[in-house]
Amino acid sequence: MRALLSRFFNDIWYGNGWQCVFFLPVTWVFSQIVKIRRFAYNNGWLSSRSFSVPIIVVGNISVGGSGKTPLVIWLAELFKNAGYKPAIISRGYKGKAGNWPQQVRVDSDPVVVGDEAVQLARRCKCPIAVGPDRCASIDALLEHTDIDVIISDDGLQHYAMQHDIEIAVVDGVRRHGNQRLLPSGPLREPVSRLNEVDFVVSNGVADRGEYAMLVKGLVAKNLVSGSTQGLERFSGKTIHAICGIGNPERFFNGLKQFGINLIEHVHPDHHPFLEADINFDDDLPVLMTEKDAVKCQRFTSKQHWFVPVQAELNKHFAPRLLALLEKRKEHG
């Protein structure tokens, strides 16, 4: 049912489906809530906390995957190479921990802290705290670590935490869909919100004033042996392609570019995978995203591979971001 609803709304949002008119009354109510909430924070009616270290928010104005996670991984590496001690906070979406915030390690259970958090821990090798209260996560990091910059994975609409630098990620292909707010469209905030952020990064082709990001998956890593091989080794072969992310077509298209024949298995974003979801009555290889792999590790075999991705950013983005970070720190 969840998968059917996801496809239904994606068809409406990104295919200009006429059915969106049925949701316009709810969209009007939602838009008023968005306006009132922003007004309340901007005028001090609702409190917003600042912190002793810069907070860099990587978010978007739409629901679903736009490429935030590869960018967060890229930023963590950028800051480490520039001499900073970065940390990451995240919502821990779908995590079932009884207490928050939670520290995330490479061996943390994705059922407890969320799949994206574990993926970030394995790739970034820096302190990570997750929880619905981002301010509490920041407090925990500042108390127990010596970090000097924090990257917030998502949180563009989390105004209780002051944002020192805002980076909005947009899908370079789907863009903003029908440009309507939820639920008749995919937007959490109006497109005009992008005029207020410091940087707009486009996952794909960039419009004027945006920075292009190219996300590449070139290899597959075996979930049992840990061995790696180039995706070209699967060229001409038929494989099962499993995907439970916001925009599965991006993953599928990336595999097709290598001439791989796909049997596609689409699941909703953050799907709680079961063994039956990834094991089939044949000997064909099974390829999945890195985020899905962290939830499937316990029932995989040598047939199962995941495709890690790397982000490449416009050459002007890094120096401009680092310069702005230094400026914000000076005026702290």
Protein backbone atom coordinates (compact mmCIF):
# COMPACT_ATOMS: atom_id res chain seq x y z
CA MET A 1 0.00 0.00 0.00
CA ARG A 2 2.82 2.39 0.92
CA ALA A 3 4.52 1.72 -2.42
CA LEU A 4 1.29 2.33 -4.33
CA LEU A 5 0.71 5.65 -2.53
CA SER A 6 4.28 6.70 -3.24
CA ARG A 7 3.87 6.01 -6.97
CA PHE A 8 0.46 7.72 -7.01
CA PHE A 9 1.75 10.97 -5.55
CA ASN A 10 4.93 10.94 -7.61
CA ASP A 11 2.83 10.63 -10.77
CA ILE A 12 0.77 13.63 -9.66
CA TRP A 13 3.68 15.77 -8.50
CA TYR A 14 6.07 15.15 -11.38
CA GLY A 15 3.64 14.30 -14.16
CA ASN A 16 1.31 17.28 -13.69
CA GLY A 17 -1.53 14.91 -12.84
CA TRP A 18 -4.91 16.63 -12.73
CA GLN A 19 -5.73 14.76 -9.50
CA CYS A 20 -3.76 17.39 -7.56
CA VAL A 21 -6.87 19.63 -7.59
CA PHE A 22 -8.48 17.35 -4.99
CA PHE A 23 -5.74 18.23 -2.51
CA LEU A 24 -5.68 21.99 -3.06
CA PRO A 25 -7.78 22.83 0.06
CA VAL A 26 -5.32 20.93 2.25
CA THR A 27 -2.43 22.58 0.42
CA TRP A 28 -3.89 26.02 1.21
CA VAL A 29 -4.02 25.14 4.92
CA PHE A 30 -0.47 23.81 4.80
CA SER A 31 0.77 26.95 3.05
CA GLN A 32 -0.71 29.14 5.79
CA ILE A 33 0.99 27.03 8.46
CA VAL A 34 4.32 27.42 6.63
CA LYS A 35 3.89 31.23 6.44
CA ILE A 36 2.84 31.63 10.07
CA ARG A 37 5.66 29.43 11.31
CA ARG A 38 8.33 31.35 9.37
CA PHE A 39 6.83 34.66 10.55
CA ALA A 40 6.88 33.48 14.17
CA TYR A 41 10.55 32.51 14.03
CA ASN A 42 11.59 35.64 12.11
CA ASN A 43 9.91 37.89 14.65
CA GLY A 44 11.05 36.07 17.77
CA TRP A 45 7.68 34.64 18.74
CA LEU A 46 9.29 31.20 18.55
CA SER A 47 12.83 30.88 19.88
CA SER A 48 15.80 29.84 17.76
CA ARG A 49 19.13 28.81 19.32
CA SER A 50 22.62 29.69 18.15
CA PHE A 51 25.71 27.66 18.99
CA SER A 52 29.43 28.15 19.54
CA VAL A 53 30.30 26.40 16.25
CA PRO A 54 28.96 27.10 12.74
CA ILE A 55 25.92 25.09 11.64
CA ILE A 56 25.82 24.27 7.94
CA VAL A 57 22.44 22.99 6.82
CA VAL A 58 22.15 20.76 3.76
CA GLY A 59 18.47 20.51 2.92
CA ASN A 60 15.84 20.87 0.25
CA ILE A 61 12.41 22.32 -0.23
CA SER A 62 10.87 19.13 -1.60
CA VAL A 63 10.17 15.70 -0.17
CA GLY A 64 12.00 12.66 -1.40
CA GLY A 65 15.59 12.15 -2.44
CA SER A 66 17.47 14.97 -4.13
CA GLY A 67 21.06 13.97 -3.35
CA LYS A 68 21.68 15.40 0.12
CA THR A 69 23.54 12.38 1.49
CA PRO A 70 26.32 12.29 -1.18
CA LEU A 71 26.79 16.03 -0.66
CA VAL A 72 27.03 15.65 3.14
CA ILE A 73 29.71 12.96 2.65
CA TRP A 74 31.58 15.26 0.25
CA LEU A 75 31.37 18.17 2.70
CA ALA A 76 32.71 16.12 5.60
CA GLU A 77 35.76 15.21 3.52
CA LEU A 78 36.19 18.81 2.35
CA PHE A 79 36.20 20.18 5.88
CA LYS A 80 38.59 17.52 7.17
CA ASN A 81 41.02 18.28 4.36
CA ALA A 82 40.74 21.99 5.17
CA GLY A 83 41.77 21.36 8.78
CA TYR A 84 38.34 21.41 10.43
CA LYS A 85 36.89 18.84 12.80
CA PRO A 86 33.41 18.26 11.39
CA ALA A 87 30.47 16.44 12.92
CA ILE A 88 27.08 15.53 11.47
CA ILE A 89 23.57 15.69 12.87
CA SER A 90 20.53 14.08 11.32
CA ARG A 91 16.92 13.25 12.09
CA GLY A 92 17.53 9.52 12.37
CA TYR A 93 14.44 9.04 10.25
CA LYS A 94 12.62 5.75 10.86
CA GLY A 95 14.97 4.96 13.74
CA LYS A 96 13.23 3.26 16.65
CA ALA A 97 15.52 4.24 19.54
CA GLY A 98 13.79 4.65 22.87
CA ASN A 99 15.96 7.63 23.82
CA TRP A 100 17.33 10.51 21.77
CA PRO A 101 19.81 11.78 20.76
CA GLN A 102 21.80 8.74 19.72
CA GLN A 103 25.48 8.53 18.86
CA VAL A 104 25.99 6.72 15.57
CA ARG A 105 28.93 4.41 14.87
CA VAL A 106 29.85 2.23 11.92
CA ASP A 107 28.34 -0.80 13.69
CA SER A 108 25.12 0.92 14.84
CA ASP A 109 21.83 -0.81 14.10
CA PRO A 110 19.97 1.00 11.28
CA VAL A 111 16.68 -0.13 12.83
CA VAL A 112 17.58 1.91 15.92
CA VAL A 113 19.18 5.02 14.43
CA GLY A 114 18.02 5.03 10.79
CA ASP A 115 19.61 3.82 7.56
CA GLU A 116 21.08 7.11 6.33
CA ALA A 117 22.80 7.71 9.68
CA VAL A 118 24.64 4.39 9.50
CA GLN A 119 25.60 5.06 5.89
CA LEU A 120 27.06 8.42 6.91
CA ALA A 121 28.97 6.88 9.81
CA ARG A 122 30.59 4.30 7.57
CA ARG A 123 31.57 6.83 4.91
CA CYS A 124 32.46 9.97 6.88
CA LYS A 125 34.39 8.65 9.89
CA CYS A 126 33.43 11.63 12.05
CA PRO A 127 31.17 12.14 15.11
CA ILE A 128 27.47 11.76 14.31
CA ALA A 129 24.43 12.33 16.51
CA VAL A 130 20.83 11.80 15.48
CA GLY A 131 17.44 12.61 16.92
CA PRO A 132 14.26 14.59 16.26
CA ASP A 133 15.54 17.49 18.40
CA ARG A 134 18.55 18.75 16.44
CA CYS A 135 19.51 21.22 19.16
CA ALA A 136 19.81 18.35 21.65
CA SER A 137 22.02 16.48 19.17
CA ILE A 138 24.28 19.52 18.86
CA ASP A 139 24.49 19.86 22.66
CA ALA A 140 25.55 16.21 22.93
CA LEU A 141 28.26 16.64 20.29
CA LEU A 142 29.64 19.80 21.89
CA GLU A 143 29.71 18.13 25.30
CA HIS A 144 31.53 14.98 24.25
CA THR A 145 33.72 15.99 21.28
CA ASP A 146 36.06 18.80 20.19
CA ILE A 147 34.38 19.41 16.82
CA ASP A 148 34.42 22.91 15.31
CA VAL A 149 31.80 22.74 12.54
CA ILE A 150 28.52 20.85 12.27
CA ILE A 151 26.82 19.64 9.10
CA SER A 152 23.07 19.17 9.42
CA ASP A 153 21.80 16.47 7.07
CA ASP A 154 18.42 17.96 6.18
CA GLY A 155 16.88 20.53 8.53
CA LEU A 156 16.29 23.46 6.19
CA GLN A 157 12.86 23.80 7.80
CA HIS A 158 14.19 23.24 11.35
CA TYR A 159 14.19 26.88 12.48
CA ALA A 160 14.61 26.17 16.20
CA MET A 161 18.28 25.75 15.26
CA GLN A 162 19.90 28.83 13.77
CA HIS A 163 21.51 28.27 10.37
CA ASP A 164 24.90 29.85 9.72
CA ILE A 165 25.08 28.60 6.13
CA GLU A 166 22.24 27.11 4.10
CA ILE A 167 22.80 24.78 1.14
CA ALA A 168 19.69 23.69 -0.76
CA VAL A 169 19.89 20.63 -3.00
CA VAL A 170 17.53 20.31 -5.97
CA ASP A 171 16.95 17.42 -8.33
CA GLY A 172 18.43 18.53 -11.65
CA VAL A 173 15.99 16.36 -13.60
CA ARG A 174 12.70 16.49 -11.71
CA ARG A 175 13.35 20.03 -10.40
CA HIS A 176 10.33 21.17 -8.34
CA GLY A 177 7.66 19.07 -10.04
CA ASN A 178 4.38 20.96 -10.39
CA GLN A 179 5.74 23.61 -7.94
CA ARG A 180 2.83 23.14 -5.53
CA LEU A 181 3.10 22.69 -1.79
CA LEU A 182 2.16 19.44 -0.07
CA PRO A 183 0.05 17.41 -0.58
CA SER A 184 -0.94 18.55 -4.10
CA GLY A 185 2.75 18.99 -4.91
CA PRO A 186 6.13 17.85 -3.57
CA LEU A 187 7.20 21.10 -1.88
CA ARG A 188 7.66 21.72 1.84
CA GLU A 189 8.23 25.42 1.18
CA PRO A 190 7.66 27.68 -1.85
CA VAL A 191 10.29 27.82 -4.61
CA SER A 192 10.96 31.42 -3.53
CA ARG A 193 12.66 30.00 -0.41
CA LEU A 194 15.66 29.19 -2.60
CA ASN A 195 16.31 32.92 -2.98
CA GLU A 196 17.21 33.05 0.73
CA VAL A 197 19.78 30.25 0.91
CA ASP A 198 23.53 30.73 0.49
CA PHE A 199 24.05 28.04 -2.16
CA VAL A 200 21.79 26.02 -4.45
CA VAL A 201 23.33 22.74 -5.59
CA SER A 202 21.71 20.92 -8.49
CA ASN A 203 22.08 17.16 -8.64
CA GLY A 204 22.53 17.12 -12.38
CA VAL A 205 22.27 20.01 -14.81
CA ALA A 206 22.44 23.36 -13.02
CA ASP A 207 20.39 26.46 -13.78
CA ARG A 208 21.87 29.93 -13.60
CA GLY A 209 23.14 30.73 -10.11
CA GLU A 210 23.30 27.05 -9.12
CA TYR A 211 26.30 24.75 -8.62
CA ALA A 212 26.22 21.47 -10.52
CA MET A 213 26.81 18.22 -8.66
CA LEU A 214 27.52 14.97 -10.47
CA VAL A 215 26.90 11.79 -8.48
CA LYS A 216 28.76 8.79 -9.87
CA GLY A 217 28.52 5.11 -9.09
CA LEU A 218 31.32 3.29 -10.90
CA VAL A 219 31.88 0.13 -8.86
CA ALA A 220 29.96 -2.55 -7.01
CA LYS A 221 31.02 -3.88 -3.61
CA ASN A 222 30.10 -7.37 -2.46
CA LEU A 223 28.18 -7.44 0.83
CA VAL A 224 29.76 -10.73 1.94
CA SER A 225 33.38 -10.64 0.78
CA GLY A 226 33.86 -6.89 0.57
CA SER A 227 35.49 -7.30 -2.84
CA THR A 228 35.03 -4.56 -5.43
CA GLN A 229 34.63 -4.70 -9.17
CA GLY A 230 33.78 -2.16 -11.85
CA LEU A 231 30.17 -1.98 -13.00
CA GLU A 232 31.36 -2.68 -16.54
CA ARG A 233 31.84 -6.29 -15.40
CA PHE A 234 28.04 -6.60 -15.33
CA SER A 235 27.65 -5.23 -18.87
CA GLY A 236 25.33 -7.38 -21.00
CA LYS A 237 24.20 -9.36 -17.95
CA THR A 238 20.75 -9.48 -16.37
CA ILE A 239 20.63 -8.55 -12.71
CA HIS A 240 18.06 -7.78 -10.01
CA ALA A 241 18.20 -4.05 -9.21
CA ILE A 242 16.74 -3.18 -5.81
CA CYS A 243 16.01 0.38 -4.81
CA GLY A 244 14.30 1.96 -1.81
CA ILE A 245 15.23 5.64 -2.21
CA GLY A 246 13.31 8.79 -3.08
CA ASN A 247 14.13 8.75 -6.80
CA PRO A 248 14.84 5.15 -7.89
CA GLU A 249 15.12 6.09 -11.58
CA ARG A 250 18.44 7.80 -10.92
CA PHE A 251 19.88 4.53 -9.57
CA PHE A 252 18.42 2.44 -12.39
CA ASN A 253 19.60 4.84 -15.10
CA GLY A 254 23.10 4.79 -13.64
CA LEU A 255 23.22 1.01 -14.04
CA LYS A 256 21.75 1.09 -17.55
CA GLN A 257 24.57 3.35 -18.68
CA PHE A 258 26.86 0.33 -18.29
CA GLY A 259 24.68 -1.80 -20.55
CA ILE A 260 23.24 -3.82 -17.68
CA ASN A 261 19.84 -5.46 -18.14
CA LEU A 262 17.68 -4.77 -15.10
CA ILE A 263 14.88 -6.59 -13.36
CA GLU A 264 13.69 -3.62 -11.33
CA HIS A 265 12.37 -3.90 -7.77
CA VAL A 266 11.10 -0.55 -6.47
CA HIS A 267 10.36 0.02 -2.80
CA PRO A 268 9.36 3.18 -0.89
CA ASP A 269 12.07 5.39 0.56
CA HIS A 270 13.47 3.99 3.86
CA HIS A 271 11.79 0.64 3.21
CA PRO A 272 12.32 -1.90 6.07
CA PHE A 273 13.74 -4.71 3.94
CA LEU A 274 12.96 -8.34 4.60
CA GLU A 275 14.87 -11.36 3.34
CA ALA A 276 12.19 -12.07 0.72
CA ASP A 277 12.73 -8.59 -0.75
CA ILE A 278 16.28 -9.33 -1.87
CA ASN A 279 16.47 -13.11 -2.38
CA PHE A 280 15.09 -14.67 -5.55
CA ASP A 281 14.74 -18.15 -7.05
CA ASP A 282 17.68 -17.76 -9.42
CA ASP A 283 21.43 -17.20 -9.44
CA LEU A 284 21.37 -13.68 -10.88
CA PRO A 285 23.44 -10.95 -9.20
CA VAL A 286 21.54 -8.49 -7.00
CA LEU A 287 22.61 -4.84 -6.99
CA MET A 288 21.28 -2.23 -4.55
CA THR A 289 22.04 1.26 -3.25
CA GLU A 290 24.41 1.81 -0.37
CA LYS A 291 21.60 3.13 1.83
CA ASP A 292 19.54 -0.01 1.24
CA ALA A 293 22.56 -2.24 1.84
CA VAL A 294 22.97 -1.18 5.48
CA LYS A 295 19.54 -2.70 6.21
CA CYS A 296 20.12 -5.90 4.22
CA GLN A 297 23.54 -6.97 5.52
CA ARG A 298 22.19 -9.62 7.88
CA PHE A 299 20.53 -11.72 5.17
CA THR A 300 22.81 -11.31 2.16
CA SER A 301 24.84 -13.83 0.18
CA LYS A 302 27.67 -13.64 -2.35
CA GLN A 303 25.08 -12.66 -5.01
CA HIS A 304 24.47 -9.31 -3.32
CA TRP A 305 26.32 -6.12 -4.20
CA PHE A 306 25.85 -2.44 -3.44
CA VAL A 307 26.90 0.58 -5.48
CA PRO A 308 28.64 3.34 -3.49
CA VAL A 309 28.47 6.78 -5.08
CA GLN A 310 30.80 9.76 -5.09
CA ALA A 311 29.81 13.40 -5.55
CA GLU A 312 31.72 15.78 -7.80
CA LEU A 313 31.01 19.50 -7.36
CA ASN A 314 31.50 22.54 -9.56
CA LYS A 315 35.11 23.68 -9.03
CA HIS A 316 34.00 27.09 -7.70
CA PHE A 317 31.81 25.66 -4.94
CA ALA A 318 34.46 24.53 -2.42
CA PRO A 319 36.52 27.75 -2.27
CA ARG A 320 33.41 29.92 -2.03
CA LEU A 321 31.93 27.76 0.71
CA LEU A 322 35.16 27.73 2.72
CA ALA A 323 35.51 31.50 2.33
CA LEU A 324 31.95 32.05 3.55
CA LEU A 325 32.54 29.69 6.48
CA GLU A 326 35.61 31.69 7.56
CA LYS A 327 33.63 34.91 7.24
CA ARG A 328 30.77 33.58 9.35
CA LYS A 329 33.21 32.36 11.99
CA GLU A 330 34.87 35.79 12.19
CA HIS A 331 31.52 37.50 12.74
CA GLY A 332 30.36 34.64 15.01
